[in-house]
Amino acid sequence: MTDFILNAEVRSDLGKGASRRLRRNASLVPAVIYGGNKEAVSISLVAKDLAKLLETEASFSHVITLNLGNQKESVLIKALQRHPAKSYVLHADFMRVVADHKLTAIVPLHYINQETCVGVKQQGGEILHNLNEVEVSCLPADLPEFIEVDMANVELGKTLHLTDLKLPKGVELVALAHGSDLPVANVHQSRVNKEETQEGGAAE
């Protein structure tokens, strides 16, 4: 199991110029921690350590431990500002996690049984993903790394919605709480089969 831990240092040299110097001279990434009924704290992270953590998809939906000297902060990644051309992180925002307070986080969807999907294997359709992630609300201890979308029994012409997902215990979908049952994925007629059908009709 991956450890989601980062070492950080509090920084007092603030502003855009200071952030540029951090990135250029020390290979550090400026960041801020906020929330949890505490004041925001400006910190810096070692760029290569942050980059390595972000290689793991689950880091975006997992509680991260920030080591700040003798203190530890439990946080979630809330926002990353990346370089427009080179994609490395320019700035990070972290939100404090409080054990008995519900949080909201973006969790990836993992699609399973796509190869054996009825609408694909037996009916010649194709799967279209409408969503690749969802926003959830739950206690920190219940936060899932991902949510599975089982495509096994989805037939041609059918659509899975948020209400069709099997959610882990204690996890709610924010969109549903707002009354929006979004489409997650569907099986539609493949382009090849559609063209063959049209050609067959024209021949007749």
C-alpha atoms as a PDB file:
ATOM      1  CA  MET A   1       0.000   0.000   0.000  1.00  0.00           C
ATOM      2  CA  THR A   2       1.283   3.448  -0.941  1.00  0.00           C
ATOM      3  CA  ASP A   3       2.102   5.866   1.859  1.00  0.00           C
ATOM      4  CA  PHE A   4       0.652   9.285   1.137  1.00  0.00           C
ATOM      5  CA  ILE A   5       3.191  11.378   3.051  1.00  0.00           C
ATOM      6  CA  LEU A   6       4.973  14.603   2.141  1.00  0.00           C
ATOM      7  CA  ASN A   7       7.547  16.621   4.028  1.00  0.00           C
ATOM      8  CA  ALA A   8       6.941  20.355   4.016  1.00  0.00           C
ATOM      9  CA  GLU A   9       8.330  23.547   5.507  1.00  0.00           C
ATOM     10  CA  VAL A  10       6.525  26.679   6.607  1.00  0.00           C
ATOM     11  CA  ARG A  11       7.553  29.686   4.510  1.00  0.00           C
ATOM     12  CA  SER A  12       7.395  33.338   5.444  1.00  0.00           C
ATOM     13  CA  ASP A  13       8.746  34.759   2.185  1.00  0.00           C
ATOM     14  CA  LEU A  14       5.478  35.312   0.328  1.00  0.00           C
ATOM     15  CA  GLY A  15       4.377  36.810  -2.978  1.00  0.00           C
ATOM     16  CA  LYS A  16       4.851  35.978  -6.675  1.00  0.00           C
ATOM     17  CA  GLY A  17       8.539  36.928  -6.653  1.00  0.00           C
ATOM     18  CA  ALA A  18       9.209  34.677  -3.665  1.00  0.00           C
ATOM     19  CA  SER A  19       7.363  31.804  -5.334  1.00  0.00           C
ATOM     20  CA  ARG A  20       9.427  32.183  -8.488  1.00  0.00           C
ATOM     21  CA  ARG A  21      12.634  32.165  -6.458  1.00  0.00           C
ATOM     22  CA  LEU A  22      11.524  29.006  -4.658  1.00  0.00           C
ATOM     23  CA  ARG A  23      10.894  27.163  -7.887  1.00  0.00           C
ATOM     24  CA  ARG A  24      14.019  28.438  -9.622  1.00  0.00           C
ATOM     25  CA  ASN A  25      16.629  28.310  -6.859  1.00  0.00           C
ATOM     26  CA  ALA A  26      15.573  25.496  -4.596  1.00  0.00           C
ATOM     27  CA  SER A  27      13.411  23.187  -6.769  1.00  0.00           C
ATOM     28  CA  LEU A  28      10.599  23.763  -4.320  1.00  0.00           C
ATOM     29  CA  VAL A  29       6.867  24.158  -4.930  1.00  0.00           C
ATOM     30  CA  PRO A  30       4.971  26.861  -3.021  1.00  0.00           C
ATOM     31  CA  ALA A  31       1.694  25.693  -1.474  1.00  0.00           C
ATOM     32  CA  VAL A  32      -0.946  26.669   1.065  1.00  0.00           C
ATOM     33  CA  ILE A  33      -2.950  24.734   3.666  1.00  0.00           C
ATOM     34  CA  TYR A  34      -6.370  26.066   4.647  1.00  0.00           C
ATOM     35  CA  GLY A  35      -9.644  25.063   6.292  1.00  0.00           C
ATOM     36  CA  GLY A  36     -10.408  23.174   9.485  1.00  0.00           C
ATOM     37  CA  ASN A  37     -11.198  26.390  11.388  1.00  0.00           C
ATOM     38  CA  LYS A  38      -7.514  27.327  11.416  1.00  0.00           C
ATOM     39  CA  GLU A  39      -5.575  30.074   9.734  1.00  0.00           C
ATOM     40  CA  ALA A  40      -4.091  29.368   6.312  1.00  0.00           C
ATOM     41  CA  VAL A  41      -0.414  28.379   6.350  1.00  0.00           C
ATOM     42  CA  SER A  42       2.002  28.959   3.463  1.00  0.00           C
ATOM     43  CA  ILE A  43       4.398  26.072   2.933  1.00  0.00           C
ATOM     44  CA  SER A  44       6.936  24.735   0.461  1.00  0.00           C
ATOM     45  CA  LEU A  45       7.358  21.179  -0.849  1.00  0.00           C
ATOM     46  CA  VAL A  46      10.233  19.452  -2.613  1.00  0.00           C
ATOM     47  CA  ALA A  47       9.196  19.419  -6.271  1.00  0.00           C
ATOM     48  CA  LYS A  48      10.435  15.885  -7.033  1.00  0.00           C
ATOM     49  CA  ASP A  49       8.656  14.457  -3.956  1.00  0.00           C
ATOM     50  CA  LEU A  50       5.366  16.047  -4.980  1.00  0.00           C
ATOM     51  CA  ALA A  51       5.783  14.861  -8.576  1.00  0.00           C
ATOM     52  CA  LYS A  52       6.408  11.297  -7.393  1.00  0.00           C
ATOM     53  CA  LEU A  53       3.297  11.353  -5.184  1.00  0.00           C
ATOM     54  CA  LEU A  54       1.151  12.639  -8.049  1.00  0.00           C
ATOM     55  CA  GLU A  55       2.183   9.697 -10.230  1.00  0.00           C
ATOM     56  CA  THR A  56      -0.272   7.659  -8.137  1.00  0.00           C
ATOM     57  CA  GLU A  57      -3.861   8.314  -9.222  1.00  0.00           C
ATOM     58  CA  ALA A  58      -5.142   7.691  -5.693  1.00  0.00           C
ATOM     59  CA  SER A  59      -3.203  10.682  -4.336  1.00  0.00           C
ATOM     60  CA  PHE A  60      -5.982  12.941  -5.630  1.00  0.00           C
ATOM     61  CA  SER A  61      -8.636  11.126  -3.586  1.00  0.00           C
ATOM     62  CA  HIS A  62      -6.649  10.110  -0.533  1.00  0.00           C
ATOM     63  CA  VAL A  63      -5.896  11.805   2.773  1.00  0.00           C
ATOM     64  CA  ILE A  64      -2.257  12.962   2.678  1.00  0.00           C
ATOM     65  CA  THR A  65      -0.093  13.448   5.755  1.00  0.00           C
ATOM     66  CA  LEU A  66       2.015  16.599   5.607  1.00  0.00           C
ATOM     67  CA  ASN A  67       4.987  16.581   7.983  1.00  0.00           C
ATOM     68  CA  LEU A  68       5.612  20.144   9.145  1.00  0.00           C
ATOM     69  CA  GLY A  69       8.521  19.913  11.566  1.00  0.00           C
ATOM     70  CA  ASN A  70       7.107  18.324  14.723  1.00  0.00           C
ATOM     71  CA  GLN A  71       3.526  18.729  13.512  1.00  0.00           C
ATOM     72  CA  LYS A  72       1.432  16.695  11.119  1.00  0.00           C
ATOM     73  CA  GLU A  73      -1.466  17.921   9.000  1.00  0.00           C
ATOM     74  CA  SER A  74      -4.033  15.624   7.360  1.00  0.00           C
ATOM     75  CA  VAL A  75      -5.000  17.198   4.050  1.00  0.00           C
ATOM     76  CA  LEU A  76      -6.574  16.653   0.648  1.00  0.00           C
ATOM     77  CA  ILE A  77      -5.347  18.107  -2.629  1.00  0.00           C
ATOM     78  CA  LYS A  78      -7.899  20.750  -3.630  1.00  0.00           C
ATOM     79  CA  ALA A  79      -6.160  22.461  -6.534  1.00  0.00           C
ATOM     80  CA  LEU A  80      -2.956  22.281  -8.553  1.00  0.00           C
ATOM     81  CA  GLN A  81      -1.647  25.039 -10.776  1.00  0.00           C
ATOM     82  CA  ARG A  82       0.532  23.537 -13.520  1.00  0.00           C
ATOM     83  CA  HIS A  83       2.935  25.010 -16.048  1.00  0.00           C
ATOM     84  CA  PRO A  84       0.914  25.398 -19.282  1.00  0.00           C
ATOM     85  CA  ALA A  85       3.565  23.798 -21.484  1.00  0.00           C
ATOM     86  CA  LYS A  86       5.610  21.488 -19.242  1.00  0.00           C
ATOM     87  CA  SER A  87       2.807  20.317 -16.888  1.00  0.00           C
ATOM     88  CA  TYR A  88       4.898  20.433 -13.691  1.00  0.00           C
ATOM     89  CA  VAL A  89       3.212  21.894 -10.603  1.00  0.00           C
ATOM     90  CA  LEU A  90       3.661  25.632  -9.971  1.00  0.00           C
ATOM     91  CA  HIS A  91       1.467  25.856  -6.860  1.00  0.00           C
ATOM     92  CA  ALA A  92      -0.644  23.511  -4.732  1.00  0.00           C
ATOM     93  CA  ASP A  93      -3.666  24.081  -2.490  1.00  0.00           C
ATOM     94  CA  PHE A  94      -4.363  21.646   0.337  1.00  0.00           C
ATOM     95  CA  MET A  95      -7.489  21.509   2.504  1.00  0.00           C
ATOM     96  CA  ARG A  96      -7.295  20.305   6.097  1.00  0.00           C
ATOM     97  CA  VAL A  97      -9.218  17.160   6.967  1.00  0.00           C
ATOM     98  CA  VAL A  98     -11.040  16.893  10.295  1.00  0.00           C
ATOM     99  CA  ALA A  99     -11.854  13.315  11.342  1.00  0.00           C
ATOM    100  CA  ASP A 100     -15.469  13.910  12.392  1.00  0.00           C
ATOM    101  CA  HIS A 101     -16.350  16.436   9.658  1.00  0.00           C
ATOM    102  CA  LYS A 102     -17.642  15.365   6.259  1.00  0.00           C
ATOM    103  CA  LEU A 103     -15.517  16.379   3.298  1.00  0.00           C
ATOM    104  CA  THR A 104     -16.064  16.630  -0.436  1.00  0.00           C
ATOM    105  CA  ALA A 105     -13.525  15.195  -2.867  1.00  0.00           C
ATOM    106  CA  ILE A 106     -13.201  14.180  -6.495  1.00  0.00           C
ATOM    107  CA  VAL A 107     -12.914  10.401  -6.903  1.00  0.00           C
ATOM    108  CA  PRO A 108     -12.039   8.595 -10.164  1.00  0.00           C
ATOM    109  CA  LEU A 109     -14.341   6.039 -11.761  1.00  0.00           C
ATOM    110  CA  HIS A 110     -12.866   2.638 -12.671  1.00  0.00           C
ATOM    111  CA  TYR A 111     -14.777   0.852 -15.428  1.00  0.00           C
ATOM    112  CA  ILE A 112     -14.821  -2.946 -15.140  1.00  0.00           C
ATOM    113  CA  ASN A 113     -16.105  -5.829 -17.314  1.00  0.00           C
ATOM    114  CA  GLN A 114     -16.037  -3.728 -20.472  1.00  0.00           C
ATOM    115  CA  GLU A 115     -14.747  -6.624 -22.579  1.00  0.00           C
ATOM    116  CA  THR A 116     -17.602  -8.897 -21.454  1.00  0.00           C
ATOM    117  CA  CYS A 117     -20.304  -6.200 -21.620  1.00  0.00           C
ATOM    118  CA  VAL A 118     -23.500  -7.699 -23.125  1.00  0.00           C
ATOM    119  CA  GLY A 119     -24.043  -4.676 -25.372  1.00  0.00           C
ATOM    120  CA  VAL A 120     -20.519  -5.002 -26.768  1.00  0.00           C
ATOM    121  CA  LYS A 121     -19.782  -8.731 -26.922  1.00  0.00           C
ATOM    122  CA  GLN A 122     -23.233  -9.974 -27.935  1.00  0.00           C
ATOM    123  CA  GLN A 123     -24.836  -6.952 -29.586  1.00  0.00           C
ATOM    124  CA  GLY A 124     -21.884  -5.283 -31.317  1.00  0.00           C
ATOM    125  CA  GLY A 125     -22.060  -1.937 -29.569  1.00  0.00           C
ATOM    126  CA  GLU A 126     -19.442   0.454 -28.218  1.00  0.00           C
ATOM    127  CA  ILE A 127     -19.064   1.924 -24.735  1.00  0.00           C
ATOM    128  CA  LEU A 128     -19.034   5.678 -24.272  1.00  0.00           C
ATOM    129  CA  HIS A 129     -17.811   7.113 -20.966  1.00  0.00           C
ATOM    130  CA  ASN A 130     -19.734  10.242 -19.990  1.00  0.00           C
ATOM    131  CA  LEU A 131     -17.880  10.656 -16.688  1.00  0.00           C
ATOM    132  CA  ASN A 132     -14.383   9.742 -15.544  1.00  0.00           C
ATOM    133  CA  GLU A 133     -14.744  11.061 -11.999  1.00  0.00           C
ATOM    134  CA  VAL A 134     -17.409  12.073  -9.483  1.00  0.00           C
ATOM    135  CA  GLU A 135     -17.594  14.376  -6.492  1.00  0.00           C
ATOM    136  CA  VAL A 136     -18.370  12.571  -3.243  1.00  0.00           C
ATOM    137  CA  SER A 137     -19.254  13.596   0.290  1.00  0.00           C
ATOM    138  CA  CYS A 138     -18.205  11.443   3.253  1.00  0.00           C
ATOM    139  CA  LEU A 139     -16.179  11.264   6.438  1.00  0.00           C
ATOM    140  CA  PRO A 140     -12.399  11.066   5.896  1.00  0.00           C
ATOM    141  CA  ALA A 141     -12.279   7.438   7.048  1.00  0.00           C
ATOM    142  CA  ASP A 142     -14.838   6.458   4.382  1.00  0.00           C
ATOM    143  CA  LEU A 143     -13.156   8.215   1.441  1.00  0.00           C
ATOM    144  CA  PRO A 144     -12.722   5.671  -1.407  1.00  0.00           C
ATOM    145  CA  GLU A 145      -9.731   5.709  -3.747  1.00  0.00           C
ATOM    146  CA  PHE A 146     -12.080   4.989  -6.668  1.00  0.00           C
ATOM    147  CA  ILE A 147     -15.626   3.860  -7.461  1.00  0.00           C
ATOM    148  CA  GLU A 148     -16.250   0.909  -9.777  1.00  0.00           C
ATOM    149  CA  VAL A 149     -18.643   1.053 -12.710  1.00  0.00           C
ATOM    150  CA  ASP A 150     -19.687  -2.469 -13.718  1.00  0.00           C
ATOM    151  CA  MET A 151     -20.538  -2.602 -17.433  1.00  0.00           C
ATOM    152  CA  ALA A 152     -21.160  -6.386 -17.575  1.00  0.00           C
ATOM    153  CA  ASN A 153     -24.957  -6.345 -17.987  1.00  0.00           C
ATOM    154  CA  VAL A 154     -25.420  -3.077 -19.872  1.00  0.00           C
ATOM    155  CA  GLU A 155     -27.241  -3.724 -23.148  1.00  0.00           C
ATOM    156  CA  LEU A 156     -27.075  -1.853 -26.442  1.00  0.00           C
ATOM    157  CA  GLY A 157     -28.939   1.442 -26.199  1.00  0.00           C
ATOM    158  CA  LYS A 158     -28.850   1.500 -22.394  1.00  0.00           C
ATOM    159  CA  THR A 159     -27.341   4.205 -20.182  1.00  0.00           C
ATOM    160  CA  LEU A 160     -25.983   3.939 -16.644  1.00  0.00           C
ATOM    161  CA  HIS A 161     -26.713   6.899 -14.372  1.00  0.00           C
ATOM    162  CA  LEU A 162     -25.312   7.968 -11.012  1.00  0.00           C
ATOM    163  CA  THR A 163     -28.182   6.210  -9.253  1.00  0.00           C
ATOM    164  CA  ASP A 164     -26.990   2.909 -10.780  1.00  0.00           C
ATOM    165  CA  LEU A 165     -23.577   3.063  -9.090  1.00  0.00           C
ATOM    166  CA  LYS A 166     -22.834   0.903  -6.061  1.00  0.00           C
ATOM    167  CA  LEU A 167     -21.342   3.259  -3.511  1.00  0.00           C
ATOM    168  CA  PRO A 168     -19.154   2.286  -0.547  1.00  0.00           C
ATOM    169  CA  LYS A 169     -20.752   2.605   2.881  1.00  0.00           C
ATOM    170  CA  GLY A 170     -20.997   6.185   4.109  1.00  0.00           C
ATOM    171  CA  VAL A 171     -20.357   7.723   0.677  1.00  0.00           C
ATOM    172  CA  GLU A 172     -22.809  10.057  -1.054  1.00  0.00           C
ATOM    173  CA  LEU A 173     -22.669  11.661  -4.493  1.00  0.00           C
ATOM    174  CA  VAL A 174     -22.840  15.451  -4.419  1.00  0.00           C
ATOM    175  CA  ALA A 175     -24.671  15.666  -7.761  1.00  0.00           C
ATOM    176  CA  LEU A 176     -27.461  13.387  -6.510  1.00  0.00           C
ATOM    177  CA  ALA A 177     -27.803  15.455  -3.355  1.00  0.00           C
ATOM    178  CA  HIS A 178     -28.469  18.394  -5.682  1.00  0.00           C
ATOM    179  CA  GLY A 179     -31.046  16.376  -7.634  1.00  0.00           C
ATOM    180  CA  SER A 180     -28.903  15.754 -10.720  1.00  0.00           C
ATOM    181  CA  ASP A 181     -28.789  12.106 -11.846  1.00  0.00           C
ATOM    182  CA  LEU A 182     -26.071  12.442 -14.473  1.00  0.00           C
ATOM    183  CA  PRO A 183     -25.371   9.809 -17.156  1.00  0.00           C
ATOM    184  CA  VAL A 184     -22.192   7.857 -16.387  1.00  0.00           C
ATOM    185  CA  ALA A 185     -21.773   5.627 -19.462  1.00  0.00           C
ATOM    186  CA  ASN A 186     -23.794   4.116 -22.286  1.00  0.00           C
ATOM    187  CA  VAL A 187     -23.557   1.442 -24.949  1.00  0.00           C
ATOM    188  CA  HIS A 188     -24.341   2.743 -28.421  1.00  0.00           C
ATOM    189  CA  GLN A 189     -24.255   1.217 -31.870  1.00  0.00           C
ATOM    190  CA  SER A 190     -20.707   1.092 -33.176  1.00  0.00           C
ATOM    191  CA  ARG A 191     -19.803   3.254 -36.134  1.00  0.00           C
ATOM    192  CA  VAL A 192     -18.779   0.232 -38.213  1.00  0.00           C
ATOM    193  CA  ASN A 193     -22.056  -1.619 -37.560  1.00  0.00           C
ATOM    194  CA  LYS A 194     -24.046   1.542 -38.238  1.00  0.00           C
ATOM    195  CA  GLU A 195     -22.347   2.043 -41.615  1.00  0.00           C
ATOM    196  CA  GLU A 196     -22.867  -1.626 -42.515  1.00  0.00           C
ATOM    197  CA  THR A 197     -26.591  -1.322 -41.666  1.00  0.00           C
ATOM    198  CA  GLN A 198     -26.919   1.791 -43.802  1.00  0.00           C
ATOM    199  CA  GLU A 199     -25.048   0.165 -46.724  1.00  0.00           C
ATOM    200  CA  GLY A 200     -27.248  -2.916 -46.456  1.00  0.00           C
ATOM    201  CA  GLY A 201     -30.375  -0.788 -46.555  1.00  0.00           C
ATOM    202  CA  ALA A 202     -29.122   1.141 -49.572  1.00  0.00           C
ATOM    203  CA  ALA A 203     -28.321  -2.100 -51.429  1.00  0.00           C
ATOM    204  CA  GLU A 204     -31.839  -3.381 -50.917  1.00  0.00           C
END
